[in-house]
Amino acid sequence: MSHSRSFCYCFHECESPLPINGAGNPALALADSELRFVPLSDGRPEGLGGFDIRVTDRARAIANAEAAGSRSGADLVTLYGMHLRLV
């Protein structure tokens, strides 16, 4: 990631934006994780839209999501409007 001197949580209106990650999105590096800010793309207002989750048994996670009617893509589970991408 390229780094700027200061952080700003409202990246679209700030003079000193967050560092930019490899995908070109503002991102804040945390211990063992990254908080990314991505453009709105699914018609919902600004807010927390999803998480990437590292799973130990992907097949089981997908089977459980399908059984619950929550699988919404090849690697995506949606619970109460929150998108959980299995990585």
Protein backbone atom coordinates (compact mmCIF):
# COMPACT_ATOMS: atom_id res chain seq x y z
CA MET A 1 0.00 0.00 0.00
CA SER A 2 1.12 3.55 -0.61
CA HIS A 3 0.83 5.64 2.53
CA SER A 4 -0.19 9.21 3.19
CA ARG A 5 0.75 11.15 6.30
CA SER A 6 -2.74 11.38 7.75
CA PHE A 7 -5.96 9.40 7.67
CA CYS A 8 -9.46 10.49 6.79
CA TYR A 9 -12.51 8.27 7.14
CA CYS A 10 -14.57 10.17 4.57
CA PHE A 11 -12.16 9.52 1.70
CA HIS A 12 -14.30 11.05 -1.02
CA GLU A 13 -14.29 14.52 0.58
CA CYS A 14 -10.83 14.73 2.17
CA GLU A 15 -7.64 16.48 1.20
CA SER A 16 -5.51 13.73 2.85
CA PRO A 17 -7.10 10.41 1.90
CA LEU A 18 -6.41 7.00 3.37
CA PRO A 19 -3.57 4.95 1.89
CA ILE A 20 -4.49 3.19 -1.37
CA ASN A 21 -4.30 -0.62 -1.50
CA GLY A 22 -3.26 -2.82 -4.44
CA ALA A 23 -6.81 -2.82 -5.82
CA GLY A 24 -6.87 0.99 -5.93
CA ASN A 25 -9.21 1.44 -2.95
CA PRO A 26 -8.61 3.54 0.16
CA ALA A 27 -7.67 1.13 2.95
CA LEU A 28 -6.64 1.17 6.57
CA ALA A 29 -4.23 -1.59 7.58
CA LEU A 30 -5.08 -3.30 10.87
CA ALA A 31 -3.43 -6.19 12.72
CA ASP A 32 -3.92 -9.22 10.42
CA SER A 33 -6.61 -7.45 8.38
CA GLU A 34 -7.46 -4.50 6.20
CA LEU A 35 -10.45 -2.14 6.28
CA ARG A 36 -11.28 -1.16 2.68
CA PHE A 37 -13.52 1.62 1.45
CA VAL A 38 -15.01 0.81 -1.93
CA PRO A 39 -17.36 2.70 -4.25
CA LEU A 40 -21.08 2.12 -3.82
CA SER A 41 -22.13 -0.50 -6.35
CA ASP A 42 -25.30 -2.25 -5.25
CA GLY A 43 -27.79 0.57 -4.80
CA ARG A 44 -27.48 0.67 -1.02
CA PRO A 45 -26.54 3.86 0.85
CA GLU A 46 -23.14 4.40 2.44
CA GLY A 47 -22.36 2.03 5.26
CA LEU A 48 -20.78 -1.28 6.12
CA GLY A 49 -21.53 -3.65 3.26
CA GLY A 50 -19.55 -6.78 3.87
CA PHE A 51 -16.60 -8.75 5.13
CA ASP A 52 -14.07 -11.08 3.57
CA ILE A 53 -13.82 -14.13 5.81
CA ARG A 54 -11.04 -16.73 5.72
CA VAL A 55 -12.65 -20.11 6.34
CA THR A 56 -11.02 -23.42 7.22
CA ASP A 57 -13.69 -25.61 5.59
CA ARG A 58 -15.05 -23.74 2.56
CA ALA A 59 -17.21 -26.65 1.34
CA ARG A 60 -18.91 -26.93 4.73
CA ALA A 61 -19.48 -23.17 4.95
CA ILE A 62 -21.08 -23.15 1.49
CA ALA A 63 -23.22 -26.20 2.30
CA ASN A 64 -24.46 -24.56 5.51
CA ALA A 65 -25.21 -21.32 3.66
CA GLU A 66 -27.15 -23.20 0.99
CA ALA A 67 -29.12 -25.12 3.63
CA ALA A 68 -30.04 -21.82 5.29
CA GLY A 69 -30.94 -20.19 1.94
CA SER A 70 -28.15 -17.63 2.42
CA ARG A 71 -25.79 -18.46 -0.42
CA SER A 72 -25.85 -15.60 -2.91
CA GLY A 73 -22.88 -16.40 -5.16
CA ALA A 74 -20.01 -18.80 -5.77
CA ASP A 75 -18.13 -17.50 -2.75
CA LEU A 76 -20.71 -15.16 -1.25
CA VAL A 77 -23.10 -15.56 1.68
CA THR A 78 -25.61 -12.83 2.58
CA LEU A 79 -26.96 -12.62 6.13
CA TYR A 80 -29.37 -9.83 7.08
CA GLY A 81 -28.11 -7.73 4.17
CA MET A 82 -24.42 -8.15 5.07
CA HIS A 83 -22.27 -9.72 2.35
CA LEU A 84 -19.74 -12.27 3.59
CA ARG A 85 -17.19 -13.27 0.96
CA LEU A 86 -15.45 -16.57 1.67
CA VAL A 87 -11.72 -16.36 0.95
